[in-house]
Structure formats: C-alpha cells, structure tokens
Amino acid sequence: MNSPGNLAPMTRAVRGFAARSSEWFAVLVILAYTVPALALLLAAPQGASFTPTMDAVPFAVIGWTVLLPVVVLTVLRWWGAAGFTRRSTRRSLVRFLPVILLYNLLPLLTLMAPGTVRHDPAYIFLVAITVLAGGFGDEATFRGVVLQTLLPDGARRAVLVSSVLFGVAYLRVMALDIDPVHVVSQAANSVGMGIAFAALVVVTGTIWPLVLISAASQVVFYLTYLPNSRPDVTIVVIELLMGALAAAYGIWLLHRHQHRHGSSSSTAH
C-alpha cells in the first residue's frame, strides 16, 4: 500500500475510517453493494428471472455490481493489495484446483444430465455477461475490499468474518421468491466457499483466478434454475457438503501457510 503522505485526502479519509472501524466499514460496503441492486430487482421483479428479453433494470444491476467495487478499490488504491495486479505463478495456480473441482467441474456435470433445460444462444450470452459481472463484483467486494479491510486484525479472523458476511449477504435473494430452503443451504455453502476463497487470496496474493471460478460457479444456477422449483434433499445435502469441504480446505490452507510463515520468521531471527 502507498504511504499515507502520498495519498489524496479522500483516500486518507476513507482508509482512516476503515482502519478505525473495520467491521462497520465492511458492513457499509456490503450494504452499498447489495441493497441498491436488490431494490432495483424488487422494483421490476420480471428482471430477477433473467430472461432473454431483459430490460434496463437487470443491466443496471450488472453495472452497479461492477461499478461499486471499482470505485471503492480505486479510492482506497487497493487494486494491488486486493490481488488484481499480481501475476499468478504455476505453483500458486495449483492451490486453486480443489475449488475448481468443487465449484466448477462437479456442478458442470449437472448440465450433462438427461432432461437439462436447453437455452438459445441469446440467453447463454446474457448469462455469460451476468456471471462475469457477478464473479468480478463478488470477489472484488468480499475478497478484495472487505477482506483487506479486516486483515489488519489478523488473517484468520478476516477470513472467517468476511466469509460469514458473504453468506449472510446471500440471504437477500429470499426477497426474490426463491425457495428459502435452497437459499439457506446456498448461504451455508457460500460461507464455506468464502473461507476457501479468502484463504487462497491470503496465501497466493492473487484474486483473478477466483473471479473466473466464481463466475463459472454461477453458470449452472442460471442454466438450470426453474422459477418456483423446490430443491430435493439430495441437492441440499450436496450443497452443505460442498461448503464443509471448501471450509476445511481453506482452514487447512491458511493454517499451513501461517505455520510456514511463522517458521520462516523464527528462522530469520
């Protein structure tokens, strides 16, 4: 991060507030990220279904999803700290393989199942735009701004708190008439995903792979979602299991990283 003397007054003021009240700053950023988008969708419920005949409302949601974290990261000058400017190495990319397996490869098998709904190219194009915006927005907000805000209080606490906030934020989709059981299981899954993703940012120092992984994980939802459908017990159990496995991986990864880092510091002294 830049030294305080070289920062613009707005950057110094916002960073100062984030340092003094990290939890409040994190919550305010999340509210700014989620509430306007939810309000727009509630104002035009037809947009929430994301049909190929999208009007201006869903595109406004997509724009806000990208714009808010871009503005915050730019004001704070945290693009580098958040991991957007650091190049991934082959060794660091290996650490992403377990979450790729959990959140990309296994869910994509769903699309190959018999009876899967087929969509026209226009719908698929719109899905691609939405998931890329959502992947960037979620990672830039939660693993970028929120995680970096909380890291001065300790990596373990930052990973856990940012992940719980990520899961709680997911509960907002209940307002869109999605089955509550599905929402709660997905929220629990999101906490586990958040732990793994946040730990990966701490360990590797890069975030771009997570943007793509997060985007790809949303594809299955949009291509298989049916309004007013209820998830069966198997789906709920699988989602909870995925979250538990992701959380376990994130905790192990962070513990291993901190143990090695601590050992290196002790050796240096």
C-alpha atoms as a PDB file:
ATOM      1  CA  MET A   1       0.000   0.000   0.000  1.00  0.00           C
ATOM      2  CA  ASN A   2       1.064   3.636  -0.575  1.00  0.00           C
ATOM      3  CA  SER A   3       2.484   5.624   2.312  1.00  0.00           C
ATOM      4  CA  PRO A   4      -0.063   7.987   3.924  1.00  0.00           C
ATOM      5  CA  GLY A   5       1.861  11.090   2.878  1.00  0.00           C
ATOM      6  CA  ASN A   6       1.469  10.269  -0.823  1.00  0.00           C
ATOM      7  CA  LEU A   7      -2.291   9.691  -0.693  1.00  0.00           C
ATOM      8  CA  ALA A   8      -5.090  12.011  -1.766  1.00  0.00           C
ATOM      9  CA  PRO A   9      -7.205  13.481   1.064  1.00  0.00           C
ATOM     10  CA  MET A  10     -10.224  11.322   0.177  1.00  0.00           C
ATOM     11  CA  THR A  11      -8.097   8.185   0.152  1.00  0.00           C
ATOM     12  CA  ARG A  12      -6.579   9.060   3.527  1.00  0.00           C
ATOM     13  CA  ALA A  13     -10.015   9.781   4.995  1.00  0.00           C
ATOM     14  CA  VAL A  14     -11.614   6.564   3.737  1.00  0.00           C
ATOM     15  CA  ARG A  15      -8.626   4.456   4.763  1.00  0.00           C
ATOM     16  CA  GLY A  16      -8.652   6.119   8.165  1.00  0.00           C
ATOM     17  CA  PHE A  17     -12.304   5.214   8.684  1.00  0.00           C
ATOM     18  CA  ALA A  18     -11.625   1.643   7.506  1.00  0.00           C
ATOM     19  CA  ALA A  19      -8.737   1.350   9.958  1.00  0.00           C
ATOM     20  CA  ARG A  20     -10.645   2.792  12.917  1.00  0.00           C
ATOM     21  CA  SER A  21     -13.904   0.904  12.326  1.00  0.00           C
ATOM     22  CA  SER A  22     -13.060  -2.056  10.112  1.00  0.00           C
ATOM     23  CA  GLU A  23     -16.231  -4.044  10.819  1.00  0.00           C
ATOM     24  CA  TRP A  24     -18.523  -1.057  10.238  1.00  0.00           C
ATOM     25  CA  PHE A  25     -16.703  -0.139   7.048  1.00  0.00           C
ATOM     26  CA  ALA A  26     -17.003  -3.723   5.773  1.00  0.00           C
ATOM     27  CA  VAL A  27     -20.736  -3.820   6.544  1.00  0.00           C
ATOM     28  CA  LEU A  28     -21.331  -0.443   4.876  1.00  0.00           C
ATOM     29  CA  VAL A  29     -19.523  -1.584   1.720  1.00  0.00           C
ATOM     30  CA  ILE A  30     -21.598  -4.769   1.614  1.00  0.00           C
ATOM     31  CA  LEU A  31     -24.827  -2.827   2.081  1.00  0.00           C
ATOM     32  CA  ALA A  32     -23.814  -0.419  -0.678  1.00  0.00           C
ATOM     33  CA  TYR A  33     -23.073  -3.412  -2.912  1.00  0.00           C
ATOM     34  CA  THR A  34     -26.236  -5.418  -2.255  1.00  0.00           C
ATOM     35  CA  VAL A  35     -29.098  -3.073  -1.316  1.00  0.00           C
ATOM     36  CA  PRO A  36     -29.316  -0.922  -4.475  1.00  0.00           C
ATOM     37  CA  ALA A  37     -29.169  -3.989  -6.724  1.00  0.00           C
ATOM     38  CA  LEU A  38     -31.850  -5.756  -4.697  1.00  0.00           C
ATOM     39  CA  ALA A  39     -34.034  -2.643  -4.711  1.00  0.00           C
ATOM     40  CA  LEU A  40     -33.799  -2.452  -8.495  1.00  0.00           C
ATOM     41  CA  LEU A  41     -34.819  -6.091  -8.885  1.00  0.00           C
ATOM     42  CA  LEU A  42     -37.723  -5.711  -6.473  1.00  0.00           C
ATOM     43  CA  ALA A  43     -38.888  -2.666  -8.396  1.00  0.00           C
ATOM     44  CA  ALA A  44     -39.054  -4.792 -11.548  1.00  0.00           C
ATOM     45  CA  PRO A  45     -39.488  -8.446 -10.477  1.00  0.00           C
ATOM     46  CA  GLN A  46     -39.548  -9.649 -14.085  1.00  0.00           C
ATOM     47  CA  GLY A  47     -35.869  -8.743 -14.269  1.00  0.00           C
ATOM     48  CA  ALA A  48     -34.991 -11.137 -11.451  1.00  0.00           C
ATOM     49  CA  SER A  49     -35.770 -14.159 -13.599  1.00  0.00           C
ATOM     50  CA  PHE A  50     -33.076 -13.094 -16.074  1.00  0.00           C
ATOM     51  CA  THR A  51     -34.945 -13.982 -19.258  1.00  0.00           C
ATOM     52  CA  PRO A  52     -33.561 -13.331 -22.742  1.00  0.00           C
ATOM     53  CA  THR A  53     -35.893 -10.305 -23.010  1.00  0.00           C
ATOM     54  CA  MET A  54     -34.010  -8.369 -20.342  1.00  0.00           C
ATOM     55  CA  ASP A  55     -34.883  -4.719 -19.894  1.00  0.00           C
ATOM     56  CA  ALA A  56     -32.812  -1.877 -18.459  1.00  0.00           C
ATOM     57  CA  VAL A  57     -33.185  -2.957 -14.806  1.00  0.00           C
ATOM     58  CA  PRO A  58     -31.041  -6.113 -14.886  1.00  0.00           C
ATOM     59  CA  PHE A  59     -28.397  -4.271 -16.889  1.00  0.00           C
ATOM     60  CA  ALA A  60     -28.397  -1.537 -14.251  1.00  0.00           C
ATOM     61  CA  VAL A  61     -27.857  -4.251 -11.620  1.00  0.00           C
ATOM     62  CA  ILE A  62     -24.938  -5.646 -13.630  1.00  0.00           C
ATOM     63  CA  GLY A  63     -23.449  -2.166 -13.945  1.00  0.00           C
ATOM     64  CA  TRP A  64     -23.728  -1.473 -10.214  1.00  0.00           C
ATOM     65  CA  THR A  65     -22.206  -4.866  -9.392  1.00  0.00           C
ATOM     66  CA  VAL A  66     -19.080  -3.847 -11.278  1.00  0.00           C
ATOM     67  CA  LEU A  67     -19.041  -0.103 -10.588  1.00  0.00           C
ATOM     68  CA  LEU A  68     -19.245  -0.137  -6.780  1.00  0.00           C
ATOM     69  CA  PRO A  69     -16.138  -2.271  -6.092  1.00  0.00           C
ATOM     70  CA  VAL A  70     -14.212  -0.495  -8.870  1.00  0.00           C
ATOM     71  CA  VAL A  71     -14.884   2.883  -7.249  1.00  0.00           C
ATOM     72  CA  VAL A  72     -14.049   1.682  -3.733  1.00  0.00           C
ATOM     73  CA  LEU A  73     -10.828  -0.075  -4.764  1.00  0.00           C
ATOM     74  CA  THR A  74      -9.785   2.975  -6.780  1.00  0.00           C
ATOM     75  CA  VAL A  75     -10.472   5.433  -3.962  1.00  0.00           C
ATOM     76  CA  LEU A  76      -8.591   3.221  -1.492  1.00  0.00           C
ATOM     77  CA  ARG A  77      -5.851   2.407  -4.031  1.00  0.00           C
ATOM     78  CA  TRP A  78      -6.140  -1.223  -3.071  1.00  0.00           C
ATOM     79  CA  TRP A  79      -6.002  -2.851  -6.511  1.00  0.00           C
ATOM     80  CA  GLY A  80      -2.563  -4.231  -5.751  1.00  0.00           C
ATOM     81  CA  ALA A  81      -3.329  -5.172  -2.150  1.00  0.00           C
ATOM     82  CA  ALA A  82      -6.503  -6.971  -3.260  1.00  0.00           C
ATOM     83  CA  GLY A  83      -4.504  -9.128  -5.677  1.00  0.00           C
ATOM     84  CA  PHE A  84      -5.582  -7.680  -9.023  1.00  0.00           C
ATOM     85  CA  THR A  85      -2.115  -6.596 -10.133  1.00  0.00           C
ATOM     86  CA  ARG A  86      -0.100  -9.631  -9.040  1.00  0.00           C
ATOM     87  CA  ARG A  87       0.538 -12.297 -11.661  1.00  0.00           C
ATOM     88  CA  SER A  88      -0.284 -15.887 -10.793  1.00  0.00           C
ATOM     89  CA  THR A  89       2.509 -18.432 -10.846  1.00  0.00           C
ATOM     90  CA  ARG A  90       2.142 -22.055 -11.830  1.00  0.00           C
ATOM     91  CA  ARG A  91       2.719 -23.066  -8.225  1.00  0.00           C
ATOM     92  CA  SER A  92       0.044 -20.703  -6.919  1.00  0.00           C
ATOM     93  CA  LEU A  93      -2.483 -21.871  -9.525  1.00  0.00           C
ATOM     94  CA  VAL A  94      -2.186 -25.451  -8.241  1.00  0.00           C
ATOM     95  CA  ARG A  95      -3.757 -24.316  -4.964  1.00  0.00           C
ATOM     96  CA  PHE A  96      -6.914 -23.332  -6.839  1.00  0.00           C
ATOM     97  CA  LEU A  97      -7.526 -26.840  -8.205  1.00  0.00           C
ATOM     98  CA  PRO A  98      -9.638 -28.109  -5.243  1.00  0.00           C
ATOM     99  CA  VAL A  99     -12.100 -25.203  -5.528  1.00  0.00           C
ATOM    100  CA  ILE A 100     -12.225 -25.612  -9.314  1.00  0.00           C
ATOM    101  CA  LEU A 101     -13.193 -29.238  -8.740  1.00  0.00           C
ATOM    102  CA  LEU A 102     -15.821 -28.354  -6.137  1.00  0.00           C
ATOM    103  CA  TYR A 103     -17.415 -25.318  -7.716  1.00  0.00           C
ATOM    104  CA  ASN A 104     -16.817 -25.766 -11.444  1.00  0.00           C
ATOM    105  CA  LEU A 105     -16.215 -29.323 -12.603  1.00  0.00           C
ATOM    106  CA  LEU A 106     -18.706 -31.145 -10.369  1.00  0.00           C
ATOM    107  CA  PRO A 107     -21.592 -28.665 -10.910  1.00  0.00           C
ATOM    108  CA  LEU A 108     -20.987 -28.651 -14.666  1.00  0.00           C
ATOM    109  CA  LEU A 109     -21.796 -32.368 -14.695  1.00  0.00           C
ATOM    110  CA  THR A 110     -25.337 -31.262 -13.894  1.00  0.00           C
ATOM    111  CA  LEU A 111     -25.622 -29.704 -17.331  1.00  0.00           C
ATOM    112  CA  MET A 112     -24.905 -33.074 -18.931  1.00  0.00           C
ATOM    113  CA  ALA A 113     -27.724 -34.845 -17.090  1.00  0.00           C
ATOM    114  CA  PRO A 114     -30.723 -36.019 -19.134  1.00  0.00           C
ATOM    115  CA  GLY A 115     -33.611 -33.555 -19.150  1.00  0.00           C
ATOM    116  CA  THR A 116     -31.459 -30.488 -18.553  1.00  0.00           C
ATOM    117  CA  VAL A 117     -33.169 -27.403 -19.931  1.00  0.00           C
ATOM    118  CA  ARG A 118     -31.635 -26.152 -23.173  1.00  0.00           C
ATOM    119  CA  HIS A 119     -31.415 -22.426 -23.906  1.00  0.00           C
ATOM    120  CA  ASP A 120     -30.956 -20.374 -27.041  1.00  0.00           C
ATOM    121  CA  PRO A 121     -27.664 -18.547 -27.752  1.00  0.00           C
ATOM    122  CA  ALA A 122     -29.118 -15.153 -26.754  1.00  0.00           C
ATOM    123  CA  TYR A 123     -29.901 -16.390 -23.257  1.00  0.00           C
ATOM    124  CA  ILE A 124     -26.471 -18.004 -22.915  1.00  0.00           C
ATOM    125  CA  PHE A 125     -24.834 -14.735 -23.983  1.00  0.00           C
ATOM    126  CA  LEU A 126     -26.763 -12.830 -21.319  1.00  0.00           C
ATOM    127  CA  VAL A 127     -25.821 -15.460 -18.743  1.00  0.00           C
ATOM    128  CA  ALA A 128     -22.152 -15.011 -19.664  1.00  0.00           C
ATOM    129  CA  ILE A 129     -22.372 -11.237 -19.106  1.00  0.00           C
ATOM    130  CA  THR A 130     -24.146 -11.672 -15.780  1.00  0.00           C
ATOM    131  CA  VAL A 131     -21.811 -14.311 -14.331  1.00  0.00           C
ATOM    132  CA  LEU A 132     -18.676 -12.409 -15.323  1.00  0.00           C
ATOM    133  CA  ALA A 133     -20.016  -9.248 -13.702  1.00  0.00           C
ATOM    134  CA  GLY A 134     -21.154 -11.212 -10.644  1.00  0.00           C
ATOM    135  CA  GLY A 135     -17.848 -13.047 -10.359  1.00  0.00           C
ATOM    136  CA  PHE A 136     -15.878  -9.820 -10.511  1.00  0.00           C
ATOM    137  CA  GLY A 137     -18.255  -7.947  -8.194  1.00  0.00           C
ATOM    138  CA  ASP A 138     -18.369 -10.633  -5.506  1.00  0.00           C
ATOM    139  CA  GLU A 139     -14.620 -11.207  -5.459  1.00  0.00           C
ATOM    140  CA  ALA A 140     -13.670  -7.532  -5.667  1.00  0.00           C
ATOM    141  CA  THR A 141     -16.109  -6.699  -2.866  1.00  0.00           C
ATOM    142  CA  PHE A 142     -15.740  -9.619  -0.451  1.00  0.00           C
ATOM    143  CA  ARG A 143     -12.251 -10.996  -1.148  1.00  0.00           C
ATOM    144  CA  GLY A 144     -10.997  -7.568  -2.182  1.00  0.00           C
ATOM    145  CA  VAL A 145     -12.367  -4.649  -0.158  1.00  0.00           C
ATOM    146  CA  VAL A 146     -13.879  -6.499   2.815  1.00  0.00           C
ATOM    147  CA  LEU A 147     -11.010  -8.944   3.316  1.00  0.00           C
ATOM    148  CA  GLN A 148      -8.363  -6.226   3.023  1.00  0.00           C
ATOM    149  CA  THR A 149     -10.290  -4.063   5.477  1.00  0.00           C
ATOM    150  CA  LEU A 150     -10.303  -6.820   8.091  1.00  0.00           C
ATOM    151  CA  LEU A 151      -6.793  -8.235   7.553  1.00  0.00           C
ATOM    152  CA  PRO A 152      -5.031  -5.834   9.962  1.00  0.00           C
ATOM    153  CA  ASP A 153      -6.946  -7.577  12.770  1.00  0.00           C
ATOM    154  CA  GLY A 154      -5.488 -10.965  11.799  1.00  0.00           C
ATOM    155  CA  ALA A 155      -5.769 -13.261   8.785  1.00  0.00           C
ATOM    156  CA  ARG A 156      -7.862 -15.974  10.460  1.00  0.00           C
ATOM    157  CA  ARG A 157     -10.390 -13.502  11.775  1.00  0.00           C
ATOM    158  CA  ALA A 158     -10.519 -11.654   8.457  1.00  0.00           C
ATOM    159  CA  VAL A 159     -11.114 -14.866   6.515  1.00  0.00           C
ATOM    160  CA  LEU A 160     -13.853 -16.038   8.878  1.00  0.00           C
ATOM    161  CA  VAL A 161     -15.687 -12.710   9.256  1.00  0.00           C
ATOM    162  CA  SER A 162     -15.593 -11.871   5.539  1.00  0.00           C
ATOM    163  CA  SER A 163     -16.914 -15.351   4.734  1.00  0.00           C
ATOM    164  CA  VAL A 164     -19.777 -15.157   7.228  1.00  0.00           C
ATOM    165  CA  LEU A 165     -20.714 -11.750   5.822  1.00  0.00           C
ATOM    166  CA  PHE A 166     -20.619 -13.273   2.332  1.00  0.00           C
ATOM    167  CA  GLY A 167     -23.044 -15.988   3.398  1.00  0.00           C
ATOM    168  CA  VAL A 168     -25.347 -13.556   5.198  1.00  0.00           C
ATOM    169  CA  ALA A 169     -25.400 -11.290   2.143  1.00  0.00           C
ATOM    170  CA  TYR A 170     -26.599 -14.223   0.037  1.00  0.00           C
ATOM    171  CA  LEU A 171     -29.778 -14.410   2.140  1.00  0.00           C
ATOM    172  CA  ARG A 172     -31.023 -11.307   0.338  1.00  0.00           C
ATOM    173  CA  VAL A 173     -32.208 -13.455  -2.579  1.00  0.00           C
ATOM    174  CA  MET A 174     -35.072 -14.665  -0.370  1.00  0.00           C
ATOM    175  CA  ALA A 175     -36.768 -11.439  -1.389  1.00  0.00           C
ATOM    176  CA  LEU A 176     -36.862 -12.740  -4.978  1.00  0.00           C
ATOM    177  CA  ASP A 177     -39.246 -15.619  -4.136  1.00  0.00           C
ATOM    178  CA  ILE A 178     -36.570 -18.309  -4.316  1.00  0.00           C
ATOM    179  CA  ASP A 179     -37.242 -21.299  -2.072  1.00  0.00           C
ATOM    180  CA  PRO A 180     -35.980 -20.483   1.471  1.00  0.00           C
ATOM    181  CA  VAL A 181     -34.522 -23.963   1.974  1.00  0.00           C
ATOM    182  CA  HIS A 182     -32.450 -23.555  -1.159  1.00  0.00           C
ATOM    183  CA  VAL A 183     -31.375 -20.054  -0.117  1.00  0.00           C
ATOM    184  CA  VAL A 184     -30.249 -21.167   3.357  1.00  0.00           C
ATOM    185  CA  SER A 185     -28.298 -24.155   2.019  1.00  0.00           C
ATOM    186  CA  GLN A 186     -26.684 -21.932  -0.588  1.00  0.00           C
ATOM    187  CA  ALA A 187     -25.846 -19.343   2.074  1.00  0.00           C
ATOM    188  CA  ALA A 188     -24.145 -22.032   4.180  1.00  0.00           C
ATOM    189  CA  ASN A 189     -22.319 -23.200   1.076  1.00  0.00           C
ATOM    190  CA  SER A 190     -21.283 -19.593   0.432  1.00  0.00           C
ATOM    191  CA  VAL A 191     -19.687 -19.346   3.882  1.00  0.00           C
ATOM    192  CA  GLY A 192     -17.548 -22.395   3.114  1.00  0.00           C
ATOM    193  CA  MET A 193     -16.737 -21.072  -0.342  1.00  0.00           C
ATOM    194  CA  GLY A 194     -15.794 -17.728   1.197  1.00  0.00           C
ATOM    195  CA  ILE A 195     -13.381 -19.363   3.634  1.00  0.00           C
ATOM    196  CA  ALA A 196     -11.617 -21.231   0.834  1.00  0.00           C
ATOM    197  CA  PHE A 197     -11.555 -18.219  -1.499  1.00  0.00           C
ATOM    198  CA  ALA A 198     -10.357 -15.769   1.156  1.00  0.00           C
ATOM    199  CA  ALA A 199      -7.643 -18.177   2.292  1.00  0.00           C
ATOM    200  CA  LEU A 200      -6.481 -18.501  -1.318  1.00  0.00           C
ATOM    201  CA  VAL A 201      -6.153 -14.726  -1.619  1.00  0.00           C
ATOM    202  CA  VAL A 202      -4.154 -14.558   1.607  1.00  0.00           C
ATOM    203  CA  VAL A 203      -1.883 -17.432   0.574  1.00  0.00           C
ATOM    204  CA  THR A 204      -1.373 -16.666  -3.131  1.00  0.00           C
ATOM    205  CA  GLY A 205      -1.778 -12.896  -3.167  1.00  0.00           C
ATOM    206  CA  THR A 206      -3.814 -13.051  -6.373  1.00  0.00           C
ATOM    207  CA  ILE A 207      -7.557 -12.808  -6.984  1.00  0.00           C
ATOM    208  CA  TRP A 208      -8.127 -13.108 -10.753  1.00  0.00           C
ATOM    209  CA  PRO A 209      -8.454 -16.926 -10.765  1.00  0.00           C
ATOM    210  CA  LEU A 210     -11.233 -16.596  -8.178  1.00  0.00           C
ATOM    211  CA  VAL A 211     -13.113 -14.133 -10.391  1.00  0.00           C
ATOM    212  CA  LEU A 212     -13.255 -16.756 -13.131  1.00  0.00           C
ATOM    213  CA  ILE A 213     -14.020 -19.625 -10.736  1.00  0.00           C
ATOM    214  CA  SER A 214     -16.808 -17.608  -9.094  1.00  0.00           C
ATOM    215  CA  ALA A 215     -18.269 -16.674 -12.487  1.00  0.00           C
ATOM    216  CA  ALA A 216     -18.199 -20.269 -13.711  1.00  0.00           C
ATOM    217  CA  SER A 217     -19.850 -21.479 -10.493  1.00  0.00           C
ATOM    218  CA  GLN A 218     -22.895 -19.310 -11.259  1.00  0.00           C
ATOM    219  CA  VAL A 219     -23.423 -20.699 -14.762  1.00  0.00           C
ATOM    220  CA  VAL A 220     -25.175 -23.862 -13.578  1.00  0.00           C
ATOM    221  CA  PHE A 221     -27.638 -21.864 -11.485  1.00  0.00           C
ATOM    222  CA  TYR A 222     -28.727 -19.710 -14.411  1.00  0.00           C
ATOM    223  CA  LEU A 223     -28.921 -22.586 -16.892  1.00  0.00           C
ATOM    224  CA  THR A 224     -30.828 -24.965 -14.609  1.00  0.00           C
ATOM    225  CA  TYR A 225     -32.918 -22.606 -12.466  1.00  0.00           C
ATOM    226  CA  LEU A 226     -36.671 -23.038 -12.735  1.00  0.00           C
ATOM    227  CA  PRO A 227     -38.990 -20.497 -11.039  1.00  0.00           C
ATOM    228  CA  ASN A 228     -40.909 -21.809  -8.011  1.00  0.00           C
ATOM    229  CA  SER A 229     -38.927 -25.064  -8.012  1.00  0.00           C
ATOM    230  CA  ARG A 230     -38.087 -26.739  -4.700  1.00  0.00           C
ATOM    231  CA  PRO A 231     -34.708 -28.422  -4.194  1.00  0.00           C
ATOM    232  CA  ASP A 232     -34.769 -32.033  -3.108  1.00  0.00           C
ATOM    233  CA  VAL A 233     -32.932 -33.319  -0.057  1.00  0.00           C
ATOM    234  CA  THR A 234     -30.038 -34.605  -2.168  1.00  0.00           C
ATOM    235  CA  ILE A 235     -29.276 -31.158  -3.576  1.00  0.00           C
ATOM    236  CA  VAL A 236     -29.394 -29.563  -0.125  1.00  0.00           C
ATOM    237  CA  VAL A 237     -27.053 -32.192   1.312  1.00  0.00           C
ATOM    238  CA  ILE A 238     -24.644 -31.802  -1.607  1.00  0.00           C
ATOM    239  CA  GLU A 239     -24.555 -28.013  -1.171  1.00  0.00           C
ATOM    240  CA  LEU A 240     -23.882 -28.340   2.552  1.00  0.00           C
ATOM    241  CA  LEU A 241     -21.180 -30.926   1.900  1.00  0.00           C
ATOM    242  CA  MET A 242     -19.524 -28.705  -0.703  1.00  0.00           C
ATOM    243  CA  GLY A 243     -19.468 -25.842   1.777  1.00  0.00           C
ATOM    244  CA  ALA A 244     -17.988 -28.034   4.506  1.00  0.00           C
ATOM    245  CA  LEU A 245     -15.261 -29.375   2.204  1.00  0.00           C
ATOM    246  CA  ALA A 246     -14.421 -25.887   0.970  1.00  0.00           C
ATOM    247  CA  ALA A 247     -14.221 -24.557   4.530  1.00  0.00           C
ATOM    248  CA  ALA A 248     -11.975 -27.441   5.590  1.00  0.00           C
ATOM    249  CA  TYR A 249      -9.668 -26.788   2.644  1.00  0.00           C
ATOM    250  CA  GLY A 250      -9.499 -23.071   3.380  1.00  0.00           C
ATOM    251  CA  ILE A 251      -8.758 -23.617   7.073  1.00  0.00           C
ATOM    252  CA  TRP A 252      -6.049 -26.179   6.235  1.00  0.00           C
ATOM    253  CA  LEU A 253      -4.521 -23.898   3.603  1.00  0.00           C
ATOM    254  CA  LEU A 254      -4.417 -20.919   5.934  1.00  0.00           C
ATOM    255  CA  HIS A 255      -3.058 -22.952   8.861  1.00  0.00           C
ATOM    256  CA  ARG A 256      -0.324 -24.428   6.646  1.00  0.00           C
ATOM    257  CA  HIS A 257       0.581 -21.001   5.280  1.00  0.00           C
ATOM    258  CA  GLN A 258       0.740 -19.377   8.723  1.00  0.00           C
ATOM    259  CA  HIS A 259       2.752 -22.280  10.122  1.00  0.00           C
ATOM    260  CA  ARG A 260       5.314 -21.991   7.320  1.00  0.00           C
ATOM    261  CA  HIS A 261       5.377 -18.215   7.543  1.00  0.00           C
ATOM    262  CA  GLY A 262       5.880 -18.380  11.283  1.00  0.00           C
ATOM    263  CA  SER A 263       8.650 -20.945  10.914  1.00  0.00           C
ATOM    264  CA  SER A 264      10.406 -18.769   8.314  1.00  0.00           C
ATOM    265  CA  SER A 265      10.206 -15.711  10.585  1.00  0.00           C
ATOM    266  CA  SER A 266      11.625 -17.688  13.510  1.00  0.00           C
ATOM    267  CA  THR A 267      14.472 -18.996  11.365  1.00  0.00           C
ATOM    268  CA  ALA A 268      15.265 -15.474  10.117  1.00  0.00           C
ATOM    269  CA  HIS A 269      15.582 -14.229  13.678  1.00  0.00           C
END
